[in-house]
Each structure stands twice: as C-alpha cells, then as structure tokens.
N, C-alpha and C. Protein backbone atom coordinates (compact mmCIF):
# COMPACT_ATOMS: atom_id res chain seq x y z
N MET A 1 -88.74 -54.23 -73.57
CA MET A 1 -87.47 -53.53 -73.78
C MET A 1 -87.35 -52.42 -72.74
N SER A 2 -86.16 -52.28 -72.19
CA SER A 2 -85.91 -51.26 -71.18
C SER A 2 -85.73 -49.89 -71.82
N ARG A 3 -86.11 -48.87 -71.09
CA ARG A 3 -85.84 -47.50 -71.54
C ARG A 3 -84.47 -47.09 -71.04
N VAL A 4 -83.67 -46.52 -71.93
CA VAL A 4 -82.35 -46.00 -71.57
C VAL A 4 -82.22 -44.63 -72.19
N ILE A 5 -81.94 -43.65 -71.35
CA ILE A 5 -81.79 -42.26 -71.78
C ILE A 5 -80.38 -41.80 -71.42
N LEU A 6 -79.71 -41.18 -72.37
CA LEU A 6 -78.39 -40.60 -72.16
C LEU A 6 -78.55 -39.10 -72.06
N LEU A 7 -78.17 -38.52 -70.93
CA LEU A 7 -78.29 -37.09 -70.68
C LEU A 7 -76.91 -36.48 -70.51
N ASN A 8 -76.70 -35.33 -71.15
CA ASN A 8 -75.49 -34.55 -70.89
C ASN A 8 -75.84 -33.57 -69.76
N LYS A 9 -75.50 -33.96 -68.53
CA LYS A 9 -75.84 -33.16 -67.36
C LYS A 9 -74.96 -31.92 -67.31
N PRO A 10 -75.58 -30.74 -67.28
CA PRO A 10 -74.80 -29.51 -67.18
C PRO A 10 -74.17 -29.33 -65.80
N TYR A 11 -73.16 -28.50 -65.76
CA TYR A 11 -72.52 -28.10 -64.50
C TYR A 11 -73.58 -27.48 -63.58
N GLY A 12 -73.51 -27.80 -62.30
CA GLY A 12 -74.40 -27.19 -61.31
C GLY A 12 -75.72 -27.89 -61.11
N VAL A 13 -76.03 -28.90 -61.92
CA VAL A 13 -77.30 -29.61 -61.81
C VAL A 13 -77.13 -30.78 -60.85
N LEU A 14 -78.10 -30.92 -59.92
CA LEU A 14 -78.09 -32.04 -58.99
C LEU A 14 -78.52 -33.31 -59.71
N CYS A 15 -77.86 -34.41 -59.40
CA CYS A 15 -78.13 -35.69 -60.06
C CYS A 15 -79.24 -36.44 -59.31
N GLN A 16 -80.40 -35.79 -59.24
CA GLN A 16 -81.58 -36.34 -58.59
C GLN A 16 -82.79 -35.65 -59.19
N PHE A 17 -83.98 -36.14 -58.86
CA PHE A 17 -85.20 -35.57 -59.44
C PHE A 17 -85.93 -34.63 -58.49
N THR A 18 -85.55 -34.61 -57.22
CA THR A 18 -86.19 -33.70 -56.27
C THR A 18 -85.27 -32.53 -55.98
N SER A 19 -85.83 -31.34 -55.92
CA SER A 19 -85.04 -30.12 -55.76
C SER A 19 -84.72 -29.83 -54.30
N GLU A 20 -83.55 -29.25 -54.10
CA GLU A 20 -83.15 -28.75 -52.79
C GLU A 20 -82.99 -27.24 -52.93
N ALA A 21 -83.88 -26.49 -52.28
CA ALA A 21 -83.81 -25.03 -52.28
C ALA A 21 -83.76 -24.43 -53.69
N GLY A 22 -84.59 -24.98 -54.57
CA GLY A 22 -84.71 -24.40 -55.91
C GLY A 22 -83.58 -24.69 -56.86
N ARG A 23 -82.66 -25.61 -56.52
CA ARG A 23 -81.55 -25.94 -57.42
C ARG A 23 -82.04 -26.77 -58.59
N ALA A 24 -81.37 -26.64 -59.72
CA ALA A 24 -81.72 -27.41 -60.92
C ALA A 24 -81.44 -28.89 -60.67
N THR A 25 -82.34 -29.74 -61.18
CA THR A 25 -82.20 -31.19 -61.05
C THR A 25 -82.42 -31.85 -62.41
N LEU A 26 -82.30 -33.16 -62.44
CA LEU A 26 -82.54 -33.92 -63.67
C LEU A 26 -83.95 -33.67 -64.20
N LYS A 27 -84.90 -33.43 -63.29
CA LYS A 27 -86.29 -33.20 -63.67
C LYS A 27 -86.43 -31.98 -64.59
N ASP A 28 -85.52 -31.02 -64.47
CA ASP A 28 -85.56 -29.82 -65.32
C ASP A 28 -85.16 -30.12 -66.76
N PHE A 29 -84.58 -31.28 -67.00
CA PHE A 29 -84.08 -31.62 -68.33
C PHE A 29 -84.75 -32.84 -68.95
N VAL A 30 -85.16 -33.78 -68.11
CA VAL A 30 -85.76 -35.03 -68.59
C VAL A 30 -87.13 -35.18 -67.96
N ALA A 31 -88.17 -34.91 -68.73
CA ALA A 31 -89.54 -35.03 -68.24
C ALA A 31 -90.13 -36.37 -68.67
N VAL A 32 -89.43 -37.44 -68.32
CA VAL A 32 -89.86 -38.78 -68.67
C VAL A 32 -90.15 -39.51 -67.36
N PRO A 33 -91.40 -39.90 -67.13
CA PRO A 33 -91.72 -40.56 -65.86
C PRO A 33 -91.12 -41.97 -65.78
N GLY A 34 -90.76 -42.36 -64.55
CA GLY A 34 -90.34 -43.73 -64.30
C GLY A 34 -88.90 -44.08 -64.59
N VAL A 35 -88.07 -43.08 -64.95
CA VAL A 35 -86.65 -43.37 -65.16
C VAL A 35 -85.85 -42.79 -63.99
N TYR A 36 -84.74 -43.45 -63.70
CA TYR A 36 -83.89 -43.05 -62.58
C TYR A 36 -82.43 -43.10 -63.02
N ALA A 37 -81.62 -42.28 -62.39
CA ALA A 37 -80.19 -42.24 -62.72
C ALA A 37 -79.51 -43.53 -62.28
N ALA A 38 -78.70 -44.08 -63.17
CA ALA A 38 -77.89 -45.25 -62.86
C ALA A 38 -76.50 -44.74 -62.48
N GLY A 39 -76.34 -44.41 -61.22
CA GLY A 39 -75.11 -43.79 -60.74
C GLY A 39 -75.30 -42.28 -60.63
N ARG A 40 -74.35 -41.64 -59.99
CA ARG A 40 -74.47 -40.21 -59.73
C ARG A 40 -73.29 -39.47 -60.34
N LEU A 41 -73.46 -38.18 -60.46
CA LEU A 41 -72.41 -37.28 -60.92
C LEU A 41 -72.56 -36.03 -60.06
N ASP A 42 -71.48 -35.60 -59.44
CA ASP A 42 -71.54 -34.42 -58.57
C ASP A 42 -72.09 -33.21 -59.30
N ALA A 43 -72.68 -32.29 -58.55
CA ALA A 43 -73.22 -31.06 -59.15
C ALA A 43 -72.14 -30.29 -59.90
N ASP A 44 -70.91 -30.30 -59.39
CA ASP A 44 -69.84 -29.54 -60.04
C ASP A 44 -69.12 -30.33 -61.12
N SER A 45 -69.67 -31.48 -61.50
CA SER A 45 -69.17 -32.26 -62.63
C SER A 45 -70.21 -32.22 -63.74
N GLU A 46 -69.75 -32.45 -64.95
CA GLU A 46 -70.61 -32.39 -66.13
C GLU A 46 -70.57 -33.74 -66.83
N GLY A 47 -71.52 -33.93 -67.73
CA GLY A 47 -71.39 -35.05 -68.63
C GLY A 47 -72.45 -36.12 -68.51
N LEU A 48 -72.08 -37.32 -68.95
CA LEU A 48 -73.03 -38.39 -69.18
C LEU A 48 -73.63 -38.94 -67.90
N VAL A 49 -74.96 -38.89 -67.87
CA VAL A 49 -75.74 -39.59 -66.86
C VAL A 49 -76.68 -40.52 -67.63
N VAL A 50 -76.66 -41.80 -67.27
CA VAL A 50 -77.54 -42.78 -67.88
C VAL A 50 -78.76 -42.92 -66.99
N LEU A 51 -79.94 -42.80 -67.59
CA LEU A 51 -81.19 -42.98 -66.86
C LEU A 51 -81.91 -44.19 -67.44
N THR A 52 -82.57 -44.96 -66.58
CA THR A 52 -83.28 -46.14 -67.05
C THR A 52 -84.48 -46.43 -66.16
N ASP A 53 -85.42 -47.20 -66.70
CA ASP A 53 -86.56 -47.67 -65.92
C ASP A 53 -86.36 -49.12 -65.47
N ASP A 54 -85.19 -49.66 -65.73
CA ASP A 54 -84.87 -51.06 -65.47
C ASP A 54 -83.94 -51.15 -64.25
N GLY A 55 -84.48 -51.65 -63.13
CA GLY A 55 -83.69 -51.72 -61.90
C GLY A 55 -82.46 -52.60 -62.01
N ALA A 56 -82.57 -53.73 -62.71
CA ALA A 56 -81.42 -54.62 -62.87
C ALA A 56 -80.34 -53.95 -63.71
N LEU A 57 -80.73 -53.25 -64.76
CA LEU A 57 -79.76 -52.53 -65.58
C LEU A 57 -79.12 -51.40 -64.76
N GLN A 58 -79.92 -50.70 -63.98
CA GLN A 58 -79.40 -49.64 -63.13
C GLN A 58 -78.30 -50.19 -62.21
N ALA A 59 -78.52 -51.36 -61.63
CA ALA A 59 -77.52 -51.98 -60.76
C ALA A 59 -76.27 -52.39 -61.55
N ARG A 60 -76.45 -52.93 -62.76
CA ARG A 60 -75.29 -53.34 -63.57
C ARG A 60 -74.43 -52.14 -63.95
N ILE A 61 -75.06 -50.99 -64.16
CA ILE A 61 -74.32 -49.79 -64.54
C ILE A 61 -73.60 -49.20 -63.34
N SER A 62 -74.27 -49.14 -62.21
CA SER A 62 -73.73 -48.38 -61.08
C SER A 62 -72.92 -49.18 -60.07
N HIS A 63 -73.13 -50.48 -59.95
CA HIS A 63 -72.43 -51.23 -58.91
C HIS A 63 -71.03 -51.62 -59.36
N PRO A 64 -70.01 -51.35 -58.52
CA PRO A 64 -68.61 -51.63 -58.91
C PRO A 64 -68.32 -53.10 -59.22
N ARG A 65 -69.11 -54.02 -58.67
CA ARG A 65 -68.80 -55.44 -58.91
C ARG A 65 -68.94 -55.81 -60.39
N HIS A 66 -69.67 -55.01 -61.15
CA HIS A 66 -69.84 -55.28 -62.58
C HIS A 66 -68.71 -54.72 -63.44
N LYS A 67 -67.88 -53.87 -62.84
CA LYS A 67 -66.67 -53.34 -63.49
C LYS A 67 -66.95 -52.67 -64.84
N LEU A 68 -68.07 -51.97 -64.95
CA LEU A 68 -68.38 -51.24 -66.17
C LEU A 68 -67.47 -50.01 -66.26
N ALA A 69 -66.74 -49.88 -67.34
CA ALA A 69 -65.80 -48.77 -67.50
C ALA A 69 -66.54 -47.45 -67.65
N LYS A 70 -66.03 -46.45 -66.95
CA LYS A 70 -66.54 -45.08 -67.06
C LYS A 70 -65.36 -44.18 -67.42
N THR A 71 -65.52 -43.40 -68.50
CA THR A 71 -64.43 -42.56 -69.00
C THR A 71 -64.66 -41.12 -68.59
N TYR A 72 -63.65 -40.53 -67.95
CA TYR A 72 -63.71 -39.15 -67.48
C TYR A 72 -62.61 -38.34 -68.15
N TRP A 73 -62.92 -37.09 -68.45
CA TRP A 73 -61.93 -36.13 -68.91
C TRP A 73 -61.79 -35.09 -67.81
N ALA A 74 -60.59 -34.96 -67.27
CA ALA A 74 -60.34 -34.02 -66.18
C ALA A 74 -59.35 -32.95 -66.65
N GLN A 75 -59.77 -31.69 -66.54
CA GLN A 75 -58.84 -30.59 -66.77
C GLN A 75 -58.18 -30.34 -65.42
N VAL A 76 -56.85 -30.43 -65.40
CA VAL A 76 -56.12 -30.34 -64.13
C VAL A 76 -55.14 -29.17 -64.15
N GLU A 77 -54.81 -28.73 -62.94
CA GLU A 77 -53.76 -27.72 -62.78
C GLU A 77 -52.43 -28.41 -63.03
N GLY A 78 -51.62 -27.81 -63.89
CA GLY A 78 -50.30 -28.37 -64.16
C GLY A 78 -50.34 -29.39 -65.28
N ILE A 79 -49.18 -29.99 -65.53
CA ILE A 79 -49.04 -30.99 -66.59
C ILE A 79 -48.48 -32.26 -65.97
N PRO A 80 -49.32 -33.28 -65.78
CA PRO A 80 -48.85 -34.50 -65.13
C PRO A 80 -47.71 -35.16 -65.90
N ASP A 81 -46.72 -35.63 -65.15
CA ASP A 81 -45.62 -36.37 -65.76
C ASP A 81 -45.94 -37.86 -65.70
N GLU A 82 -45.07 -38.66 -66.27
CA GLU A 82 -45.31 -40.11 -66.33
C GLU A 82 -45.40 -40.71 -64.93
N ALA A 83 -44.64 -40.20 -63.97
CA ALA A 83 -44.69 -40.72 -62.60
C ALA A 83 -46.08 -40.52 -61.99
N ALA A 84 -46.68 -39.36 -62.21
CA ALA A 84 -48.03 -39.10 -61.69
C ALA A 84 -49.05 -40.00 -62.37
N LEU A 85 -48.90 -40.19 -63.68
CA LEU A 85 -49.82 -41.07 -64.40
C LEU A 85 -49.69 -42.51 -63.92
N MET A 86 -48.46 -42.94 -63.65
CA MET A 86 -48.24 -44.30 -63.15
C MET A 86 -48.91 -44.48 -61.78
N ARG A 87 -48.82 -43.46 -60.93
CA ARG A 87 -49.49 -43.54 -59.61
C ARG A 87 -50.99 -43.67 -59.79
N LEU A 88 -51.57 -42.90 -60.72
CA LEU A 88 -53.00 -43.00 -60.97
C LEU A 88 -53.36 -44.40 -61.47
N ARG A 89 -52.57 -44.92 -62.41
CA ARG A 89 -52.84 -46.22 -63.01
C ARG A 89 -52.76 -47.35 -61.99
N ALA A 90 -51.83 -47.23 -61.04
CA ALA A 90 -51.59 -48.30 -60.08
C ALA A 90 -52.63 -48.36 -58.97
N GLY A 91 -53.33 -47.25 -58.73
CA GLY A 91 -54.24 -47.15 -57.60
C GLY A 91 -53.67 -46.18 -56.60
N VAL A 92 -54.53 -45.31 -56.09
CA VAL A 92 -54.09 -44.23 -55.21
C VAL A 92 -54.69 -44.44 -53.82
N ASP A 93 -53.83 -44.34 -52.80
CA ASP A 93 -54.31 -44.45 -51.42
C ASP A 93 -54.91 -43.11 -51.02
N LEU A 94 -56.23 -43.09 -50.88
CA LEU A 94 -56.92 -41.85 -50.54
C LEU A 94 -57.22 -41.75 -49.05
N GLY A 95 -56.63 -42.64 -48.25
CA GLY A 95 -56.84 -42.61 -46.81
C GLY A 95 -57.96 -43.53 -46.38
N ASP A 96 -59.16 -43.32 -46.91
CA ASP A 96 -60.29 -44.17 -46.53
C ASP A 96 -60.42 -45.39 -47.45
N PHE A 97 -59.75 -45.39 -48.59
CA PHE A 97 -59.70 -46.55 -49.47
C PHE A 97 -58.59 -46.34 -50.50
N ILE A 98 -58.18 -47.44 -51.12
CA ILE A 98 -57.20 -47.40 -52.21
C ILE A 98 -57.97 -47.65 -53.50
N THR A 99 -57.80 -46.75 -54.47
CA THR A 99 -58.53 -46.91 -55.73
C THR A 99 -58.02 -48.13 -56.49
N LYS A 100 -58.89 -48.70 -57.29
CA LYS A 100 -58.50 -49.83 -58.13
C LYS A 100 -57.63 -49.31 -59.27
N PRO A 101 -56.79 -50.17 -59.84
CA PRO A 101 -56.02 -49.75 -61.01
C PRO A 101 -56.96 -49.23 -62.09
N CYS A 102 -56.47 -48.25 -62.84
CA CYS A 102 -57.28 -47.65 -63.90
C CYS A 102 -56.38 -47.27 -65.06
N GLN A 103 -57.00 -46.80 -66.12
CA GLN A 103 -56.25 -46.25 -67.24
C GLN A 103 -56.13 -44.75 -67.04
N ALA A 104 -54.98 -44.19 -67.35
CA ALA A 104 -54.77 -42.74 -67.22
C ALA A 104 -53.77 -42.30 -68.28
N ARG A 105 -54.13 -41.23 -68.99
CA ARG A 105 -53.22 -40.68 -70.00
C ARG A 105 -53.53 -39.20 -70.19
N VAL A 106 -52.51 -38.45 -70.57
CA VAL A 106 -52.69 -37.04 -70.92
C VAL A 106 -53.28 -37.01 -72.33
N ILE A 107 -54.28 -36.15 -72.54
CA ILE A 107 -54.91 -36.01 -73.85
C ILE A 107 -54.92 -34.53 -74.24
N ASP A 108 -55.12 -34.27 -75.52
CA ASP A 108 -55.34 -32.90 -75.96
C ASP A 108 -56.70 -32.45 -75.45
N GLU A 109 -56.90 -31.14 -75.34
CA GLU A 109 -58.22 -30.65 -74.95
C GLU A 109 -59.23 -31.20 -75.96
N PRO A 110 -60.31 -31.83 -75.46
CA PRO A 110 -61.29 -32.40 -76.39
C PRO A 110 -61.83 -31.35 -77.36
N ALA A 111 -61.81 -31.67 -78.64
CA ALA A 111 -62.11 -30.71 -79.71
C ALA A 111 -63.52 -30.16 -79.65
N ASP A 112 -64.50 -31.00 -79.38
CA ASP A 112 -65.89 -30.56 -79.44
C ASP A 112 -66.46 -30.23 -78.07
N LEU A 113 -65.60 -30.00 -77.10
CA LEU A 113 -66.07 -29.72 -75.74
C LEU A 113 -66.69 -28.32 -75.67
N TRP A 114 -67.84 -28.24 -75.07
CA TRP A 114 -68.58 -27.00 -74.91
C TRP A 114 -67.92 -26.14 -73.84
N PRO A 115 -68.13 -24.82 -73.87
CA PRO A 115 -67.62 -23.97 -72.79
C PRO A 115 -68.38 -24.26 -71.50
N ARG A 116 -67.68 -24.23 -70.39
CA ARG A 116 -68.36 -24.44 -69.12
C ARG A 116 -68.92 -23.11 -68.63
N VAL A 117 -70.13 -23.17 -68.07
CA VAL A 117 -70.76 -21.99 -67.49
C VAL A 117 -71.03 -22.29 -66.03
N PRO A 118 -70.37 -21.57 -65.10
CA PRO A 118 -69.36 -20.54 -65.33
C PRO A 118 -68.02 -21.17 -65.71
N PRO A 119 -67.15 -20.37 -66.34
CA PRO A 119 -65.85 -20.92 -66.73
C PRO A 119 -64.99 -21.24 -65.51
N ILE A 120 -64.00 -22.11 -65.70
CA ILE A 120 -63.08 -22.40 -64.61
C ILE A 120 -62.24 -21.16 -64.33
N ARG A 121 -61.67 -21.11 -63.13
CA ARG A 121 -60.82 -19.96 -62.81
C ARG A 121 -59.56 -20.02 -63.68
N TYR A 122 -59.14 -18.88 -64.15
CA TYR A 122 -57.96 -18.81 -65.01
C TYR A 122 -56.83 -18.17 -64.23
N ARG A 123 -55.66 -18.82 -64.23
CA ARG A 123 -54.49 -18.26 -63.57
C ARG A 123 -53.33 -18.32 -64.55
N ALA A 124 -52.87 -17.18 -64.98
CA ALA A 124 -51.86 -17.09 -66.04
C ALA A 124 -50.58 -17.84 -65.69
N ALA A 125 -50.22 -17.90 -64.43
CA ALA A 125 -48.95 -18.51 -64.03
C ALA A 125 -49.01 -20.03 -63.92
N ILE A 126 -50.20 -20.61 -63.98
CA ILE A 126 -50.33 -22.05 -63.81
C ILE A 126 -50.97 -22.67 -65.05
N PRO A 127 -50.20 -23.48 -65.79
CA PRO A 127 -50.77 -24.12 -66.97
C PRO A 127 -51.78 -25.19 -66.58
N THR A 128 -52.65 -25.53 -67.51
CA THR A 128 -53.58 -26.64 -67.29
C THR A 128 -53.39 -27.65 -68.40
N SER A 129 -53.87 -28.86 -68.15
CA SER A 129 -53.83 -29.91 -69.16
C SER A 129 -55.04 -30.82 -68.92
N TRP A 130 -55.23 -31.76 -69.84
CA TRP A 130 -56.36 -32.69 -69.76
C TRP A 130 -55.84 -34.10 -69.56
N VAL A 131 -56.51 -34.83 -68.68
CA VAL A 131 -56.19 -36.23 -68.41
C VAL A 131 -57.45 -37.05 -68.65
N GLU A 132 -57.30 -38.17 -69.34
CA GLU A 132 -58.41 -39.11 -69.50
C GLU A 132 -58.20 -40.24 -68.52
N LEU A 133 -59.22 -40.50 -67.70
CA LEU A 133 -59.19 -41.60 -66.73
C LEU A 133 -60.34 -42.55 -67.06
N VAL A 134 -60.04 -43.84 -67.09
CA VAL A 134 -61.07 -44.86 -67.29
C VAL A 134 -61.09 -45.71 -66.02
N LEU A 135 -62.20 -45.58 -65.27
CA LEU A 135 -62.35 -46.26 -63.98
C LEU A 135 -63.39 -47.36 -64.08
N THR A 136 -63.25 -48.36 -63.22
CA THR A 136 -64.28 -49.40 -63.11
C THR A 136 -64.96 -49.34 -61.75
N GLU A 137 -64.74 -48.25 -61.04
CA GLU A 137 -65.43 -47.98 -59.79
C GLU A 137 -65.77 -46.49 -59.80
N GLY A 138 -66.60 -46.06 -58.92
CA GLY A 138 -66.97 -44.66 -58.93
C GLY A 138 -67.40 -44.19 -57.55
N LYS A 139 -66.46 -44.02 -56.68
CA LYS A 139 -66.78 -43.58 -55.32
C LYS A 139 -66.89 -42.06 -55.29
N ASN A 140 -67.43 -41.56 -54.20
CA ASN A 140 -67.70 -40.13 -54.06
C ASN A 140 -66.46 -39.27 -54.33
N ARG A 141 -66.56 -38.40 -55.32
CA ARG A 141 -65.52 -37.45 -55.70
C ARG A 141 -64.17 -38.12 -55.99
N GLN A 142 -64.23 -39.34 -56.48
CA GLN A 142 -63.02 -40.15 -56.65
C GLN A 142 -62.01 -39.53 -57.61
N VAL A 143 -62.42 -39.11 -58.79
CA VAL A 143 -61.47 -38.57 -59.76
C VAL A 143 -60.80 -37.32 -59.18
N ARG A 144 -61.58 -36.43 -58.61
CA ARG A 144 -61.01 -35.20 -58.02
C ARG A 144 -60.01 -35.53 -56.92
N ARG A 145 -60.36 -36.49 -56.08
CA ARG A 145 -59.47 -36.87 -54.99
C ARG A 145 -58.19 -37.51 -55.52
N MET A 146 -58.31 -38.34 -56.56
CA MET A 146 -57.14 -39.01 -57.13
C MET A 146 -56.16 -38.00 -57.74
N THR A 147 -56.68 -37.09 -58.58
CA THR A 147 -55.77 -36.15 -59.24
C THR A 147 -55.12 -35.20 -58.24
N ALA A 148 -55.88 -34.80 -57.21
CA ALA A 148 -55.30 -33.93 -56.17
C ALA A 148 -54.20 -34.66 -55.41
N LYS A 149 -54.43 -35.94 -55.10
CA LYS A 149 -53.46 -36.72 -54.32
C LYS A 149 -52.12 -36.85 -55.05
N VAL A 150 -52.15 -36.88 -56.39
CA VAL A 150 -50.89 -37.00 -57.14
C VAL A 150 -50.36 -35.63 -57.56
N GLY A 151 -50.97 -34.55 -57.02
CA GLY A 151 -50.42 -33.20 -57.21
C GLY A 151 -51.00 -32.38 -58.33
N PHE A 152 -52.12 -32.83 -58.92
CA PHE A 152 -52.70 -32.11 -60.05
C PHE A 152 -54.21 -31.95 -59.85
N PRO A 153 -54.62 -30.95 -59.07
CA PRO A 153 -56.04 -30.78 -58.74
C PRO A 153 -56.91 -30.61 -59.99
N THR A 154 -58.10 -31.22 -59.94
CA THR A 154 -59.06 -31.12 -61.04
C THR A 154 -59.75 -29.77 -61.00
N LEU A 155 -59.79 -29.10 -62.15
CA LEU A 155 -60.49 -27.83 -62.31
C LEU A 155 -61.86 -28.04 -62.96
N ARG A 156 -61.93 -29.00 -63.86
CA ARG A 156 -63.16 -29.29 -64.58
C ARG A 156 -63.22 -30.79 -64.81
N LEU A 157 -64.40 -31.37 -64.62
CA LEU A 157 -64.54 -32.82 -64.78
C LEU A 157 -65.75 -33.14 -65.63
N VAL A 158 -65.51 -33.91 -66.70
CA VAL A 158 -66.56 -34.31 -67.63
C VAL A 158 -66.55 -35.83 -67.74
N ARG A 159 -67.72 -36.46 -67.48
CA ARG A 159 -67.81 -37.90 -67.74
C ARG A 159 -68.23 -38.03 -69.20
N TRP A 160 -67.36 -38.62 -70.00
CA TRP A 160 -67.59 -38.75 -71.44
C TRP A 160 -68.37 -40.02 -71.77
N ALA A 161 -68.08 -41.12 -71.07
CA ALA A 161 -68.69 -42.39 -71.46
C ALA A 161 -68.97 -43.27 -70.25
N VAL A 162 -69.99 -44.10 -70.41
CA VAL A 162 -70.33 -45.17 -69.47
C VAL A 162 -70.48 -46.42 -70.33
N GLY A 163 -69.54 -47.34 -70.17
CA GLY A 163 -69.53 -48.51 -71.06
C GLY A 163 -69.37 -48.04 -72.49
N SER A 164 -70.24 -48.52 -73.38
CA SER A 164 -70.15 -48.14 -74.79
C SER A 164 -70.97 -46.88 -75.11
N TRP A 165 -71.73 -46.37 -74.15
CA TRP A 165 -72.51 -45.15 -74.37
C TRP A 165 -71.65 -43.93 -74.14
N ASN A 166 -71.80 -42.89 -74.98
CA ASN A 166 -71.03 -41.67 -74.77
C ASN A 166 -71.85 -40.44 -75.13
N LEU A 167 -71.23 -39.29 -74.96
CA LEU A 167 -71.90 -38.00 -75.17
C LEU A 167 -71.91 -37.52 -76.60
N ASP A 168 -71.39 -38.30 -77.51
CA ASP A 168 -71.25 -37.85 -78.89
C ASP A 168 -72.57 -37.23 -79.39
N GLY A 169 -72.52 -35.98 -79.81
CA GLY A 169 -73.67 -35.28 -80.36
C GLY A 169 -74.61 -34.66 -79.33
N LEU A 170 -74.32 -34.80 -78.05
CA LEU A 170 -75.19 -34.23 -77.02
C LEU A 170 -74.57 -32.97 -76.42
N THR A 171 -75.28 -31.87 -76.51
CA THR A 171 -74.84 -30.64 -75.86
C THR A 171 -75.39 -30.62 -74.43
N PRO A 172 -74.85 -29.78 -73.55
CA PRO A 172 -75.33 -29.76 -72.17
C PRO A 172 -76.85 -29.55 -72.10
N GLY A 173 -77.49 -30.38 -71.28
CA GLY A 173 -78.93 -30.27 -71.08
C GLY A 173 -79.76 -31.05 -72.08
N THR A 174 -79.12 -31.67 -73.09
CA THR A 174 -79.87 -32.44 -74.08
C THR A 174 -79.72 -33.93 -73.79
N TRP A 175 -80.66 -34.71 -74.33
CA TRP A 175 -80.63 -36.15 -74.12
C TRP A 175 -81.16 -36.88 -75.35
N ARG A 176 -80.87 -38.18 -75.38
CA ARG A 176 -81.42 -39.03 -76.42
C ARG A 176 -81.72 -40.40 -75.80
N GLU A 177 -82.73 -41.03 -76.36
CA GLU A 177 -83.06 -42.38 -75.92
C GLU A 177 -82.34 -43.35 -76.83
N VAL A 178 -81.81 -44.43 -76.26
CA VAL A 178 -81.11 -45.43 -77.05
C VAL A 178 -81.79 -46.79 -76.86
N ALA A 179 -81.71 -47.62 -77.88
CA ALA A 179 -82.29 -48.96 -77.80
C ALA A 179 -81.42 -49.82 -76.91
N TYR A 180 -82.06 -50.59 -76.06
CA TYR A 180 -81.33 -51.51 -75.21
C TYR A 180 -82.17 -52.77 -74.99
N ARG A 181 -81.55 -53.89 -75.25
CA ARG A 181 -82.20 -55.18 -74.96
C ARG A 181 -81.26 -55.96 -74.06
N HIS A 182 -81.83 -56.65 -73.09
CA HIS A 182 -81.00 -57.52 -72.24
C HIS A 182 -80.33 -58.55 -73.10
N GLY A 183 -79.08 -58.86 -72.75
CA GLY A 183 -78.44 -59.87 -73.57
C GLY A 183 -77.17 -60.36 -73.06
C-alpha cells in the first residue's frame, strides 16, 4: 500500500524538503522519510499538498495528462462579473500558453478558513471577493496569472482539494495520512 499524506502548507513555506537560506520547507512540518510532494504550491500560496512514496501515484497527481481536478479558492481584488468568469471558464491567453477550460464561480468567503499570517493588504476603497477555480492543469502561478489577466488580481490563494482529497479538518502546518490502494 502506498503512503499518502495530506499537508496544509502554510503561507511562506517552500514546497520542497531542502532549505534555501533558512526558509521553512516541507521538512519542518512532515518528518516522514521517503515521501515527496506530488506537484508544487508557490511559497505565497497556502493549502493542500499531497505527499507520497509512490512515484506512479505522484505522476498521476501532478501530470496534466491525467486531468486530476484541483480546487483553488482565490481572494481577489474587486468583484468579478459574469463576463470575467466566462473568460476564466473558456481559457485565458496568458501569452506563453492558453489555459484549458475550467470551472469558475464566485463563492462566499470560506467559513472555516484560518487567518493568513501575515494578513493580506487591506485597502478600504477596493472590495475583495472569493472565486473558486477548478483546474485540470497546474502551470507556474497559473491561477494568479489568470485572475490578473481578467482584471481581478489574486490577493490570497488556497488550494482546497486535489481530486477527492481536501483540507477538511487540517489547520496550517498539520497533516494526516490517508489510506490509498491502487485501483
């Protein structure tokens, strides 16, 4: 049976096990030998990182050809209208590539979301809102680039789910092991 660990990666933590200039890494939170991250999450993003000791599973999770859905919650500047959401859903031309179609909808601020440390910048004159994006690809800084391109820059980004796994019950820096059998 493969080992699968779900970690709620805190803001500012590098999604690797080796440190760069004393920065916090996955090693500071998961002291389990032989597991590796299946995909990456930027240091300035928070949320679900799946770790496993199974190379084939790692590839199924992280490689876009498998089309595993990843759910992100993005707090954005402004309140996206239906036209902006339609642009996100259809695929956004980011210059170096066009994103695949995805799901996008405005959501209420997630009820059980922890405070971010440090908090996002607050500007009284600019409202914020939350958008849920479900992608089947995950290129470098893709969600941030997509929301900025349609006029609503991301202020905070949380990956809530990878496939059927999610952060339910995990606070930042905590993890749980889940049963997984090939099938």
